[in-house]
Amino acid sequence: MQAHNKFTILLVDDCDFSLKAESSMLEQMGYEVSEAHNAYLALKILSKKQIDFVITDIEMPHISGDELSYLIHRRYPDLPILAVTSAERTVIKNTEHAQFKEILAKPLTAKKVLKHIEQINYRIN
């Protein structure tokens, strides 16, 4: 399954296995991927590189994915953010601040990711 547009995706996940697996899948789909193991690194990458799309885990230490989405949205209000979680019932700590376009359950599949990226891109454009 191939991506229709060449996006640069920032993938944020504190689990190294998930980060590598999801990154590999996205690259095989034709996306350029930048990886961040935490929110601090994600914000640093965003300040230095053109990113078209963010996919972040919700459950992360220090700064959660919902908090990260709020920080990203304050600096880059048009940047779409897709959240992923392995928790059956994820509690979003700052629901009034979370800026997710969608929340998906892990494990991610190429079909699931492509569908949501295309839907979000269509709504934005």
PDB file of N, CA and C in Angstrom:
ATOM      1  N   MET A   1       0.850  -1.167   0.000  1.00  0.00           N
ATOM      2  CA  MET A   1       0.000   0.000   0.000  1.00  0.00           C
ATOM      3  C   MET A   1       0.898   1.232   0.000  1.00  0.00           C
ATOM      4  N   GLN A   2       0.747   2.068  -0.976  1.00  0.00           N
ATOM      5  CA  GLN A   2       1.615   3.234  -1.136  1.00  0.00           C
ATOM      6  C   GLN A   2       0.882   4.534  -0.843  1.00  0.00           C
ATOM      7  N   ALA A   3       1.628   5.461  -0.304  1.00  0.00           N
ATOM      8  CA  ALA A   3       1.101   6.796  -0.038  1.00  0.00           C
ATOM      9  C   ALA A   3       0.947   7.541  -1.353  1.00  0.00           C
ATOM     10  N   HIS A   4      -0.095   8.353  -1.447  1.00  0.00           N
ATOM     11  CA  HIS A   4      -0.308   9.130  -2.662  1.00  0.00           C
ATOM     12  C   HIS A   4       0.512  10.413  -2.672  1.00  0.00           C
ATOM     13  N   ASN A   5       0.797  10.931  -1.518  1.00  0.00           N
ATOM     14  CA  ASN A   5       1.580  12.163  -1.408  1.00  0.00           C
ATOM     15  C   ASN A   5       2.842  11.874  -0.617  1.00  0.00           C
ATOM     16  N   LYS A   6       3.907  12.572  -0.937  1.00  0.00           N
ATOM     17  CA  LYS A   6       5.165  12.410  -0.207  1.00  0.00           C
ATOM     18  C   LYS A   6       5.144  13.326   1.006  1.00  0.00           C
ATOM     19  N   PHE A   7       4.667  12.809   2.122  1.00  0.00           N
ATOM     20  CA  PHE A   7       4.634  13.547   3.371  1.00  0.00           C
ATOM     21  C   PHE A   7       5.872  13.234   4.188  1.00  0.00           C
ATOM     22  N   THR A   8       6.247  14.187   5.021  1.00  0.00           N
ATOM     23  CA  THR A   8       7.235  13.928   6.053  1.00  0.00           C
ATOM     24  C   THR A   8       6.464  13.811   7.363  1.00  0.00           C
ATOM     25  N   ILE A   9       6.578  12.661   7.986  1.00  0.00           N
ATOM     26  CA  ILE A   9       5.837  12.370   9.202  1.00  0.00           C
ATOM     27  C   ILE A   9       6.793  12.361  10.386  1.00  0.00           C
ATOM     28  N   LEU A  10       6.396  13.022  11.455  1.00  0.00           N
ATOM     29  CA  LEU A  10       7.112  12.939  12.714  1.00  0.00           C
ATOM     30  C   LEU A  10       6.394  11.891  13.548  1.00  0.00           C
ATOM     31  N   LEU A  11       7.103  10.834  13.892  1.00  0.00           N
ATOM     32  CA  LEU A  11       6.562   9.729  14.670  1.00  0.00           C
ATOM     33  C   LEU A  11       7.128   9.807  16.080  1.00  0.00           C
ATOM     34  N   VAL A  12       6.248   9.888  17.083  1.00  0.00           N
ATOM     35  CA  VAL A  12       6.669  10.065  18.471  1.00  0.00           C
ATOM     36  C   VAL A  12       6.149   8.903  19.307  1.00  0.00           C
ATOM     37  N   ASP A  13       7.078   8.158  19.909  1.00  0.00           N
ATOM     38  CA  ASP A  13       6.694   7.032  20.753  1.00  0.00           C
ATOM     39  C   ASP A  13       7.846   6.701  21.683  1.00  0.00           C
ATOM     40  N   ASP A  14       7.555   6.507  22.957  1.00  0.00           N
ATOM     41  CA  ASP A  14       8.606   6.188  23.918  1.00  0.00           C
ATOM     42  C   ASP A  14       9.000   4.714  23.884  1.00  0.00           C
ATOM     43  N   CYS A  15       8.212   3.876  23.242  1.00  0.00           N
ATOM     44  CA  CYS A  15       8.520   2.448  23.112  1.00  0.00           C
ATOM     45  C   CYS A  15       9.356   2.236  21.852  1.00  0.00           C
ATOM     46  N   ASP A  16      10.599   1.832  22.034  1.00  0.00           N
ATOM     47  CA  ASP A  16      11.517   1.683  20.910  1.00  0.00           C
ATOM     48  C   ASP A  16      11.005   0.677  19.882  1.00  0.00           C
ATOM     49  N   PHE A  17      10.434  -0.433  20.342  1.00  0.00           N
ATOM     50  CA  PHE A  17       9.911  -1.441  19.419  1.00  0.00           C
ATOM     51  C   PHE A  17       8.811  -0.855  18.535  1.00  0.00           C
ATOM     52  N   SER A  18       7.861  -0.170  19.163  1.00  0.00           N
ATOM     53  CA  SER A  18       6.761   0.449  18.395  1.00  0.00           C
ATOM     54  C   SER A  18       7.284   1.496  17.436  1.00  0.00           C
ATOM     55  N   LEU A  19       8.215   2.307  17.904  1.00  0.00           N
ATOM     56  CA  LEU A  19       8.779   3.373  17.074  1.00  0.00           C
ATOM     57  C   LEU A  19       9.427   2.796  15.825  1.00  0.00           C
ATOM     58  N   LYS A  20      10.238   1.766  15.987  1.00  0.00           N
ATOM     59  CA  LYS A  20      10.940   1.155  14.848  1.00  0.00           C
ATOM     60  C   LYS A  20       9.964   0.448  13.907  1.00  0.00           C
ATOM     61  N   ALA A  21       9.016  -0.291  14.472  1.00  0.00           N
ATOM     62  CA  ALA A  21       8.048  -1.017  13.640  1.00  0.00           C
ATOM     63  C   ALA A  21       7.173  -0.066  12.837  1.00  0.00           C
ATOM     64  N   GLU A  22       6.665   0.974  13.503  1.00  0.00           N
ATOM     65  CA  GLU A  22       5.796   1.935  12.823  1.00  0.00           C
ATOM     66  C   GLU A  22       6.579   2.763  11.811  1.00  0.00           C
ATOM     67  N   SER A  23       7.796   3.121  12.144  1.00  0.00           N
ATOM     68  CA  SER A  23       8.640   3.884  11.232  1.00  0.00           C
ATOM     69  C   SER A  23       8.922   3.079   9.967  1.00  0.00           C
ATOM     70  N   SER A  24       9.261   1.823  10.140  1.00  0.00           N
ATOM     71  CA  SER A  24       9.537   0.947   8.997  1.00  0.00           C
ATOM     72  C   SER A  24       8.304   0.814   8.096  1.00  0.00           C
ATOM     73  N   MET A  25       7.140   0.637   8.715  1.00  0.00           N
ATOM     74  CA  MET A  25       5.900   0.512   7.950  1.00  0.00           C
ATOM     75  C   MET A  25       5.630   1.787   7.147  1.00  0.00           C
ATOM     76  N   LEU A  26       5.782   2.943   7.794  1.00  0.00           N
ATOM     77  CA  LEU A  26       5.529   4.219   7.116  1.00  0.00           C
ATOM     78  C   LEU A  26       6.520   4.452   5.982  1.00  0.00           C
ATOM     79  N   GLU A  27       7.774   4.110   6.179  1.00  0.00           N
ATOM     80  CA  GLU A  27       8.780   4.251   5.114  1.00  0.00           C
ATOM     81  C   GLU A  27       8.464   3.331   3.943  1.00  0.00           C
ATOM     82  N   GLN A  28       8.011   2.116   4.219  1.00  0.00           N
ATOM     83  CA  GLN A  28       7.627   1.190   3.146  1.00  0.00           C
ATOM     84  C   GLN A  28       6.423   1.724   2.373  1.00  0.00           C
ATOM     85  N   MET A  29       5.611   2.535   3.029  1.00  0.00           N
ATOM     86  CA  MET A  29       4.453   3.136   2.367  1.00  0.00           C
ATOM     87  C   MET A  29       4.841   4.363   1.541  1.00  0.00           C
ATOM     88  N   GLY A  30       6.105   4.783   1.641  1.00  0.00           N
ATOM     89  CA  GLY A  30       6.574   5.906   0.837  1.00  0.00           C
ATOM     90  C   GLY A  30       6.703   7.218   1.571  1.00  0.00           C
ATOM     91  N   TYR A  31       6.493   7.215   2.884  1.00  0.00           N
ATOM     92  CA  TYR A  31       6.628   8.438   3.664  1.00  0.00           C
ATOM     93  C   TYR A  31       8.068   8.614   4.136  1.00  0.00           C
ATOM     94  N   GLU A  32       8.479   9.865   4.287  1.00  0.00           N
ATOM     95  CA  GLU A  32       9.737  10.160   4.960  1.00  0.00           C
ATOM     96  C   GLU A  32       9.387  10.271   6.443  1.00  0.00           C
ATOM     97  N   VAL A  33      10.187   9.636   7.310  1.00  0.00           N
ATOM     98  CA  VAL A  33       9.854   9.588   8.730  1.00  0.00           C
ATOM     99  C   VAL A  33      10.992  10.140   9.575  1.00  0.00           C
ATOM    100  N   SER A  34      10.635  11.026  10.506  1.00  0.00           N
ATOM    101  CA  SER A  34      11.553  11.463  11.546  1.00  0.00           C
ATOM    102  C   SER A  34      11.049  10.850  12.839  1.00  0.00           C
ATOM    103  N   GLU A  35      11.967  10.298  13.638  1.00  0.00           N
ATOM    104  CA  GLU A  35      11.589   9.612  14.868  1.00  0.00           C
ATOM    105  C   GLU A  35      11.961  10.429  16.096  1.00  0.00           C
ATOM    106  N   ALA A  36      11.075  10.376  17.099  1.00  0.00           N
ATOM    107  CA  ALA A  36      11.355  11.010  18.388  1.00  0.00           C
ATOM    108  C   ALA A  36      10.911  10.058  19.494  1.00  0.00           C
ATOM    109  N   HIS A  37      11.793   9.833  20.466  1.00  0.00           N
ATOM    110  CA  HIS A  37      11.479   8.943  21.588  1.00  0.00           C
ATOM    111  C   HIS A  37      10.712   9.639  22.700  1.00  0.00           C
ATOM    112  N   ASN A  38      10.569  10.957  22.601  1.00  0.00           N
ATOM    113  CA  ASN A  38       9.837  11.690  23.628  1.00  0.00           C
ATOM    114  C   ASN A  38       9.375  13.035  23.071  1.00  0.00           C
ATOM    115  N   ALA A  39       8.556  13.712  23.851  1.00  0.00           N
ATOM    116  CA  ALA A  39       7.982  14.979  23.412  1.00  0.00           C
ATOM    117  C   ALA A  39       9.035  16.064  23.254  1.00  0.00           C
ATOM    118  N   TYR A  40      10.038  16.065  24.121  1.00  0.00           N
ATOM    119  CA  TYR A  40      11.090  17.083  24.029  1.00  0.00           C
ATOM    120  C   TYR A  40      11.805  17.003  22.683  1.00  0.00           C
ATOM    121  N   LEU A  41      12.171  15.787  22.295  1.00  0.00           N
ATOM    122  CA  LEU A  41      12.846  15.594  21.015  1.00  0.00           C
ATOM    123  C   LEU A  41      11.910  15.935  19.855  1.00  0.00           C
ATOM    124  N   ALA A  42      10.649  15.609  19.990  1.00  0.00           N
ATOM    125  CA  ALA A  42       9.669  15.934  18.946  1.00  0.00           C
ATOM    126  C   ALA A  42       9.603  17.438  18.708  1.00  0.00           C
ATOM    127  N   LEU A  43       9.548  18.205  19.784  1.00  0.00           N
ATOM    128  CA  LEU A  43       9.491  19.664  19.647  1.00  0.00           C
ATOM    129  C   LEU A  43      10.777  20.213  19.031  1.00  0.00           C
ATOM    130  N   LYS A  44      11.901  19.613  19.371  1.00  0.00           N
ATOM    131  CA  LYS A  44      13.175  20.033  18.790  1.00  0.00           C
ATOM    132  C   LYS A  44      13.195  19.761  17.285  1.00  0.00           C
ATOM    133  N   ILE A  45      12.743  18.585  16.889  1.00  0.00           N
ATOM    134  CA  ILE A  45      12.687  18.242  15.460  1.00  0.00           C
ATOM    135  C   ILE A  45      11.763  19.211  14.724  1.00  0.00           C
ATOM    136  N   LEU A  46      10.601  19.491  15.301  1.00  0.00           N
ATOM    137  CA  LEU A  46       9.650  20.411  14.669  1.00  0.00           C
ATOM    138  C   LEU A  46      10.236  21.799  14.461  1.00  0.00           C
ATOM    139  N   SER A  47      11.112  22.221  15.361  1.00  0.00           N
ATOM    140  CA  SER A  47      11.702  23.557  15.235  1.00  0.00           C
ATOM    141  C   SER A  47      12.772  23.619  14.153  1.00  0.00           C
ATOM    142  N   LYS A  48      13.252  22.449  13.706  1.00  0.00           N
ATOM    143  CA  LYS A  48      14.358  22.429  12.750  1.00  0.00           C
ATOM    144  C   LYS A  48      14.010  21.837  11.388  1.00  0.00           C
ATOM    145  N   LYS A  49      12.877  21.170  11.280  1.00  0.00           N
ATOM    146  CA  LYS A  49      12.570  20.438  10.062  1.00  0.00           C
ATOM    147  C   LYS A  49      11.121  20.651   9.651  1.00  0.00           C
ATOM    148  N   GLN A  50      10.889  20.693   8.353  1.00  0.00           N
ATOM    149  CA  GLN A  50       9.525  20.803   7.832  1.00  0.00           C
ATOM    150  C   GLN A  50       8.820  19.457   8.009  1.00  0.00           C
ATOM    151  N   ILE A  51       7.777  19.446   8.803  1.00  0.00           N
ATOM    152  CA  ILE A  51       6.992  18.239   9.067  1.00  0.00           C
ATOM    153  C   ILE A  51       5.585  18.483   8.553  1.00  0.00           C
ATOM    154  N   ASP A  52       5.017  17.475   7.881  1.00  0.00           N
ATOM    155  CA  ASP A  52       3.675  17.608   7.318  1.00  0.00           C
ATOM    156  C   ASP A  52       2.593  16.980   8.179  1.00  0.00           C
ATOM    157  N   PHE A  53       3.012  16.069   9.066  1.00  0.00           N
ATOM    158  CA  PHE A  53       2.037  15.274   9.796  1.00  0.00           C
ATOM    159  C   PHE A  53       2.714  14.710  11.031  1.00  0.00           C
ATOM    160  N   VAL A  54       2.015  14.654  12.157  1.00  0.00           N
ATOM    161  CA  VAL A  54       2.561  14.073  13.388  1.00  0.00           C
ATOM    162  C   VAL A  54       1.702  12.884  13.803  1.00  0.00           C
ATOM    163  N   ILE A  55       2.378  11.800  14.142  1.00  0.00           N
ATOM    164  CA  ILE A  55       1.711  10.650  14.749  1.00  0.00           C
ATOM    165  C   ILE A  55       2.379  10.453  16.099  1.00  0.00           C
ATOM    166  N   THR A  56       1.591  10.541  17.187  1.00  0.00           N
ATOM    167  CA  THR A  56       2.166  10.425  18.521  1.00  0.00           C
ATOM    168  C   THR A  56       1.419   9.425  19.386  1.00  0.00           C
ATOM    169  N   ASP A  57       2.191   8.719  20.174  1.00  0.00           N
ATOM    170  CA  ASP A  57       1.615   7.873  21.204  1.00  0.00           C
ATOM    171  C   ASP A  57       1.000   8.798  22.257  1.00  0.00           C
ATOM    172  N   ILE A  58      -0.029   8.350  22.925  1.00  0.00           N
ATOM    173  CA  ILE A  58      -0.646   9.167  23.966  1.00  0.00           C
ATOM    174  C   ILE A  58       0.040   8.938  25.309  1.00  0.00           C
ATOM    175  N   GLU A  59       0.256   7.675  25.649  1.00  0.00           N
ATOM    176  CA  GLU A  59       0.815   7.318  26.949  1.00  0.00           C
ATOM    177  C   GLU A  59       2.336   7.388  26.906  1.00  0.00           C
ATOM    178  N   MET A  60       2.896   8.517  27.327  1.00  0.00           N
ATOM    179  CA  MET A  60       4.346   8.699  27.392  1.00  0.00           C
ATOM    180  C   MET A  60       4.696   9.373  28.705  1.00  0.00           C
ATOM    181  N   PRO A  61       5.896   9.093  29.233  1.00  0.00           N
ATOM    182  CA  PRO A  61       6.302   9.742  30.486  1.00  0.00           C
ATOM    183  C   PRO A  61       6.643  11.219  30.271  1.00  0.00           C
ATOM    184  N   HIS A  62       6.615  11.963  31.324  1.00  0.00           N
ATOM    185  CA  HIS A  62       6.974  13.389  31.365  1.00  0.00           C
ATOM    186  C   HIS A  62       5.955  14.263  30.648  1.00  0.00           C
ATOM    187  N   ILE A  63       5.934  14.232  29.350  1.00  0.00           N
ATOM    188  CA  ILE A  63       4.942  14.977  28.579  1.00  0.00           C
ATOM    189  C   ILE A  63       4.148  13.954  27.767  1.00  0.00           C
ATOM    190  N   SER A  64       2.861  13.849  28.050  1.00  0.00           N
ATOM    191  CA  SER A  64       2.017  12.874  27.352  1.00  0.00           C
ATOM    192  C   SER A  64       1.713  13.342  25.934  1.00  0.00           C
ATOM    193  N   GLY A  65       1.156  12.450  25.149  1.00  0.00           N
ATOM    194  CA  GLY A  65       0.795  12.793  23.783  1.00  0.00           C
ATOM    195  C   GLY A  65      -0.251  13.885  23.697  1.00  0.00           C
ATOM    196  N   ASP A  66      -1.194  13.902  24.631  1.00  0.00           N
ATOM    197  CA  ASP A  66      -2.200  14.960  24.595  1.00  0.00           C
ATOM    198  C   ASP A  66      -1.598  16.309  24.958  1.00  0.00           C
ATOM    199  N   GLU A  67      -0.665  16.307  25.899  1.00  0.00           N
ATOM    200  CA  GLU A  67       0.033  17.550  26.226  1.00  0.00           C
ATOM    201  C   GLU A  67       0.911  17.995  25.063  1.00  0.00           C
ATOM    202  N   LEU A  68       1.571  17.046  24.420  1.00  0.00           N
ATOM    203  CA  LEU A  68       2.395  17.363  23.250  1.00  0.00           C
ATOM    204  C   LEU A  68       1.535  17.961  22.145  1.00  0.00           C
ATOM    205  N   SER A  69       0.359  17.390  21.928  1.00  0.00           N
ATOM    206  CA  SER A  69      -0.514  17.913  20.862  1.00  0.00           C
ATOM    207  C   SER A  69      -0.886  19.365  21.128  1.00  0.00           C
ATOM    208  N   TYR A  70      -1.099  19.695  22.386  1.00  0.00           N
ATOM    209  CA  TYR A  70      -1.420  21.075  22.750  1.00  0.00           C
ATOM    210  C   TYR A  70      -0.231  21.995  22.449  1.00  0.00           C
ATOM    211  N   LEU A  71       0.966  21.575  22.834  1.00  0.00           N
ATOM    212  CA  LEU A  71       2.164  22.391  22.582  1.00  0.00           C
ATOM    213  C   LEU A  71       2.419  22.565  21.086  1.00  0.00           C
ATOM    214  N   ILE A  72       2.233  21.493  20.335  1.00  0.00           N
ATOM    215  CA  ILE A  72       2.419  21.576  18.888  1.00  0.00           C
ATOM    216  C   ILE A  72       1.392  22.530  18.285  1.00  0.00           C
ATOM    217  N   HIS A  73       0.144  22.371  18.687  1.00  0.00           N
ATOM    218  CA  HIS A  73      -0.924  23.196  18.113  1.00  0.00           C
ATOM    219  C   HIS A  73      -0.718  24.682  18.400  1.00  0.00           C
ATOM    220  N   ARG A  74      -0.166  25.011  19.552  1.00  0.00           N
ATOM    221  CA  ARG A  74       0.110  26.425  19.868  1.00  0.00           C
ATOM    222  C   ARG A  74       1.134  27.014  18.911  1.00  0.00           C
ATOM    223  N   ARG A  75       2.140  26.236  18.525  1.00  0.00           N
ATOM    224  CA  ARG A  75       3.199  26.738  17.638  1.00  0.00           C
ATOM    225  C   ARG A  75       2.898  26.513  16.166  1.00  0.00           C
ATOM    226  N   TYR A  76       2.208  25.425  15.866  1.00  0.00           N
ATOM    227  CA  TYR A  76       1.928  25.040  14.475  1.00  0.00           C
ATOM    228  C   TYR A  76       0.444  24.663  14.363  1.00  0.00           C
ATOM    229  N   PRO A  77      -0.438  25.647  14.369  1.00  0.00           N
ATOM    230  CA  PRO A  77      -1.880  25.368  14.452  1.00  0.00           C
ATOM    231  C   PRO A  77      -2.460  24.568  13.290  1.00  0.00           C
ATOM    232  N   ASP A  78      -1.802  24.555  12.146  1.00  0.00           N
ATOM    233  CA  ASP A  78      -2.332  23.831  10.993  1.00  0.00           C
ATOM    234  C   ASP A  78      -1.745  22.437  10.818  1.00  0.00           C
ATOM    235  N   LEU A  79      -0.852  22.044  11.710  1.00  0.00           N
ATOM    236  CA  LEU A  79      -0.192  20.746  11.592  1.00  0.00           C
ATOM    237  C   LEU A  79      -1.105  19.645  12.130  1.00  0.00           C
ATOM    238  N   PRO A  80      -1.506  18.700  11.280  1.00  0.00           N
ATOM    239  CA  PRO A  80      -2.398  17.633  11.747  1.00  0.00           C
ATOM    240  C   PRO A  80      -1.660  16.636  12.644  1.00  0.00           C
ATOM    241  N   ILE A  81      -2.363  16.183  13.681  1.00  0.00           N
ATOM    242  CA  ILE A  81      -1.791  15.260  14.659  1.00  0.00           C
ATOM    243  C   ILE A  81      -2.722  14.064  14.807  1.00  0.00           C
ATOM    244  N   LEU A  82      -2.151  12.887  14.617  1.00  0.00           N
ATOM    245  CA  LEU A  82      -2.864  11.630  14.773  1.00  0.00           C
ATOM    246  C   LEU A  82      -2.318  10.953  16.016  1.00  0.00           C
ATOM    247  N   ALA A  83      -3.192  10.535  16.929  1.00  0.00           N
ATOM    248  CA  ALA A  83      -2.766   9.881  18.165  1.00  0.00           C
ATOM    249  C   ALA A  83      -2.945   8.381  18.043  1.00  0.00           C
ATOM    250  N   VAL A  84      -2.036   7.651  18.669  1.00  0.00           N
ATOM    251  CA  VAL A  84      -2.149   6.190  18.735  1.00  0.00           C
ATOM    252  C   VAL A  84      -1.968   5.764  20.185  1.00  0.00           C
ATOM    253  N   THR A  85      -2.604   4.654  20.528  1.00  0.00           N
ATOM    254  CA  THR A  85      -2.480   4.143  21.884  1.00  0.00           C
ATOM    255  C   THR A  85      -2.634   2.638  21.905  1.00  0.00           C
ATOM    256  N   SER A  86      -1.935   2.006  22.835  1.00  0.00           N
ATOM    257  CA  SER A  86      -2.083   0.571  23.027  1.00  0.00           C
ATOM    258  C   SER A  86      -3.032   0.276  24.180  1.00  0.00           C
ATOM    259  N   ALA A  87      -3.386   1.292  24.933  1.00  0.00           N
ATOM    260  CA  ALA A  87      -4.288   1.115  26.073  1.00  0.00           C
ATOM    261  C   ALA A  87      -5.717   0.936  25.590  1.00  0.00           C
ATOM    262  N   GLU A  88      -6.414  -0.005  26.212  1.00  0.00           N
ATOM    263  CA  GLU A  88      -7.815  -0.213  25.832  1.00  0.00           C
ATOM    264  C   GLU A  88      -8.655   1.015  26.126  1.00  0.00           C
ATOM    265  N   ARG A  89      -8.375   1.621  27.242  1.00  0.00           N
ATOM    266  CA  ARG A  89      -9.102   2.838  27.621  1.00  0.00           C
ATOM    267  C   ARG A  89      -8.074   3.883  27.999  1.00  0.00           C
ATOM    268  N   THR A  90      -7.757   4.703  27.072  1.00  0.00           N
ATOM    269  CA  THR A  90      -6.787   5.755  27.320  1.00  0.00           C
ATOM    270  C   THR A  90      -7.501   6.967  27.900  1.00  0.00           C
ATOM    271  N   VAL A  91      -6.954   7.461  28.965  1.00  0.00           N
ATOM    272  CA  VAL A  91      -7.495   8.675  29.569  1.00  0.00           C
ATOM    273  C   VAL A  91      -6.672   9.838  29.040  1.00  0.00           C
ATOM    274  N   ILE A  92      -7.330  10.729  28.336  1.00  0.00           N
ATOM    275  CA  ILE A  92      -6.651  11.925  27.859  1.00  0.00           C
ATOM    276  C   ILE A  92      -6.737  12.943  28.984  1.00  0.00           C
ATOM    277  N   LYS A  93      -5.576  13.307  29.497  1.00  0.00           N
ATOM    278  CA  LYS A  93      -5.509  14.150  30.692  1.00  0.00           C
ATOM    279  C   LYS A  93      -6.064  15.549  30.462  1.00  0.00           C
ATOM    280  N   ASN A  94      -5.795  16.111  29.315  1.00  0.00           N
ATOM    281  CA  ASN A  94      -6.202  17.487  29.039  1.00  0.00           C
ATOM    282  C   ASN A  94      -7.130  17.508  27.830  1.00  0.00           C
ATOM    283  N   THR A  95      -8.319  16.977  28.002  1.00  0.00           N
ATOM    284  CA  THR A  95      -9.218  16.852  26.863  1.00  0.00           C
ATOM    285  C   THR A  95      -9.540  18.196  26.218  1.00  0.00           C
ATOM    286  N   GLU A  96      -9.584  19.248  27.008  1.00  0.00           N
ATOM    287  CA  GLU A  96      -9.891  20.554  26.428  1.00  0.00           C
ATOM    288  C   GLU A  96      -8.721  21.110  25.626  1.00  0.00           C
ATOM    289  N   HIS A  97      -7.527  20.552  25.826  1.00  0.00           N
ATOM    290  CA  HIS A  97      -6.352  21.033  25.110  1.00  0.00           C
ATOM    291  C   HIS A  97      -5.874  20.085  24.010  1.00  0.00           C
ATOM    292  N   ALA A  98      -6.246  18.818  24.074  1.00  0.00           N
ATOM    293  CA  ALA A  98      -5.765  17.844  23.083  1.00  0.00           C
ATOM    294  C   ALA A  98      -6.211  18.274  21.692  1.00  0.00           C
ATOM    295  N   GLN A  99      -5.309  18.161  20.748  1.00  0.00           N
ATOM    296  CA  GLN A  99      -5.561  18.642  19.392  1.00  0.00           C
ATOM    297  C   GLN A  99      -5.451  17.518  18.358  1.00  0.00           C
ATOM    298  N   PHE A 100      -5.917  16.337  18.704  1.00  0.00           N
ATOM    299  CA  PHE A 100      -5.827  15.202  17.797  1.00  0.00           C
ATOM    300  C   PHE A 100      -6.909  15.272  16.726  1.00  0.00           C
ATOM    301  N   LYS A 101      -6.532  14.927  15.510  1.00  0.00           N
ATOM    302  CA  LYS A 101      -7.520  14.790  14.440  1.00  0.00           C
ATOM    303  C   LYS A 101      -8.221  13.445  14.557  1.00  0.00           C
ATOM    304  N   GLU A 102      -7.490  12.425  15.010  1.00  0.00           N
ATOM    305  CA  GLU A 102      -8.023  11.077  15.190  1.00  0.00           C
ATOM    306  C   GLU A 102      -7.225  10.387  16.283  1.00  0.00           C
ATOM    307  N   ILE A 103      -7.810   9.354  16.893  1.00  0.00           N
ATOM    308  CA  ILE A 103      -7.102   8.494  17.831  1.00  0.00           C
ATOM    309  C   ILE A 103      -7.282   7.066  17.349  1.00  0.00           C
ATOM    310  N   LEU A 104      -6.151   6.376  17.124  1.00  0.00           N
ATOM    311  CA  LEU A 104      -6.169   5.000  16.625  1.00  0.00           C
ATOM    312  C   LEU A 104      -5.589   4.051  17.656  1.00  0.00           C
ATOM    313  N   ALA A 105      -6.066   2.815  17.643  1.00  0.00           N
ATOM    314  CA  ALA A 105      -5.542   1.780  18.523  1.00  0.00           C
ATOM    315  C   ALA A 105      -4.361   1.089  17.863  1.00  0.00           C
ATOM    316  N   LYS A 106      -3.359   0.765  18.678  1.00  0.00           N
ATOM    317  CA  LYS A 106      -2.231  -0.031  18.196  1.00  0.00           C
ATOM    318  C   LYS A 106      -2.671  -1.489  18.171  1.00  0.00           C
ATOM    319  N   PRO A 107      -2.108  -2.320  17.346  1.00  0.00           N
ATOM    320  CA  PRO A 107      -1.016  -1.997  16.427  1.00  0.00           C
ATOM    321  C   PRO A 107      -1.539  -1.312  15.175  1.00  0.00           C
ATOM    322  N   LEU A 108      -0.716  -0.445  14.638  1.00  0.00           N
ATOM    323  CA  LEU A 108      -1.071   0.238  13.405  1.00  0.00           C
ATOM    324  C   LEU A 108      -0.877  -0.697  12.227  1.00  0.00           C
ATOM    325  N   THR A 109      -1.743  -0.552  11.255  1.00  0.00           N
ATOM    326  CA  THR A 109      -1.577  -1.269   9.994  1.00  0.00           C
ATOM    327  C   THR A 109      -1.447  -0.233   8.887  1.00  0.00           C
ATOM    328  N   ALA A 110      -0.847  -0.637   7.795  1.00  0.00           N
ATOM    329  CA  ALA A 110      -0.675   0.285   6.666  1.00  0.00           C
ATOM    330  C   ALA A 110      -2.034   0.794   6.192  1.00  0.00           C
ATOM    331  N   LYS A 111      -2.993  -0.093   6.108  1.00  0.00           N
ATOM    332  CA  LYS A 111      -4.320   0.287   5.629  1.00  0.00           C
ATOM    333  C   LYS A 111      -4.967   1.325   6.547  1.00  0.00           C
ATOM    334  N   LYS A 112      -4.860   1.102   7.859  1.00  0.00           N
ATOM    335  CA  LYS A 112      -5.457   2.009   8.841  1.00  0.00           C
ATOM    336  C   LYS A 112      -4.797   3.399   8.783  1.00  0.00           C
ATOM    337  N   VAL A 113      -3.478   3.401   8.736  1.00  0.00           N
ATOM    338  CA  VAL A 113      -2.750   4.672   8.711  1.00  0.00           C
ATOM    339  C   VAL A 113      -3.055   5.443   7.434  1.00  0.00           C
ATOM    340  N   LEU A 114      -2.967   4.786   6.299  1.00  0.00           N
ATOM    341  CA  LEU A 114      -3.205   5.451   5.020  1.00  0.00           C
ATOM    342  C   LEU A 114      -4.611   6.022   4.956  1.00  0.00           C
ATOM    343  N   LYS A 115      -5.579   5.263   5.423  1.00  0.00           N
ATOM    344  CA  LYS A 115      -6.972   5.728   5.423  1.00  0.00           C
ATOM    345  C   LYS A 115      -7.114   7.022   6.224  1.00  0.00           C
ATOM    346  N   HIS A 116      -6.542   7.054   7.407  1.00  0.00           N
ATOM    347  CA  HIS A 116      -6.704   8.233   8.260  1.00  0.00           C
ATOM    348  C   HIS A 116      -5.873   9.418   7.782  1.00  0.00           C
ATOM    349  N   ILE A 117      -4.696   9.182   7.264  1.00  0.00           N
ATOM    350  CA  ILE A 117      -3.900  10.281   6.726  1.00  0.00           C
ATOM    351  C   ILE A 117      -4.608  10.899   5.524  1.00  0.00           C
ATOM    352  N   GLU A 118      -5.146  10.071   4.654  1.00  0.00           N
ATOM    353  CA  GLU A 118      -5.866  10.594   3.490  1.00  0.00           C
ATOM    354  C   GLU A 118      -7.122  11.353   3.905  1.00  0.00           C
ATOM    355  N   GLN A 119      -7.858  10.845   4.895  1.00  0.00           N
ATOM    356  CA  GLN A 119      -9.060  11.531   5.365  1.00  0.00           C
ATOM    357  C   GLN A 119      -8.716  12.883   5.974  1.00  0.00           C
ATOM    358  N   ILE A 120      -7.683  12.917   6.796  1.00  0.00           N
ATOM    359  CA  ILE A 120      -7.284  14.166   7.438  1.00  0.00           C
ATOM    360  C   ILE A 120      -6.774  15.153   6.402  1.00  0.00           C
ATOM    361  N   ASN A 121      -5.966  14.676   5.464  1.00  0.00           N
ATOM    362  CA  ASN A 121      -5.434  15.540   4.405  1.00  0.00           C
ATOM    363  C   ASN A 121      -6.572  16.093   3.556  1.00  0.00           C
ATOM    364  N   TYR A 122      -7.573  15.286   3.273  1.00  0.00           N
ATOM    365  CA  TYR A 122      -8.708  15.740   2.490  1.00  0.00           C
ATOM    366  C   TYR A 122      -9.484  16.840   3.223  1.00  0.00           C
ATOM    367  N   ARG A 123      -9.683  16.657   4.536  1.00  0.00           N
ATOM    368  CA  ARG A 123     -10.417  17.668   5.326  1.00  0.00           C
ATOM    369  C   ARG A 123      -9.641  18.973   5.408  1.00  0.00           C
ATOM    370  N   ILE A 124      -8.313  18.895   5.431  1.00  0.00           N
ATOM    371  CA  ILE A 124      -7.480  20.094   5.547  1.00  0.00           C
ATOM    372  C   ILE A 124      -7.441  20.839   4.222  1.00  0.00           C
ATOM    373  N   ASN A 125      -7.306  20.114   3.151  1.00  0.00           N
ATOM    374  CA  ASN A 125      -7.185  20.750   1.821  1.00  0.00           C
ATOM    375  C   ASN A 125      -8.541  20.878   1.247  1.00  0.00           C
TER     376      ASN A 125
END
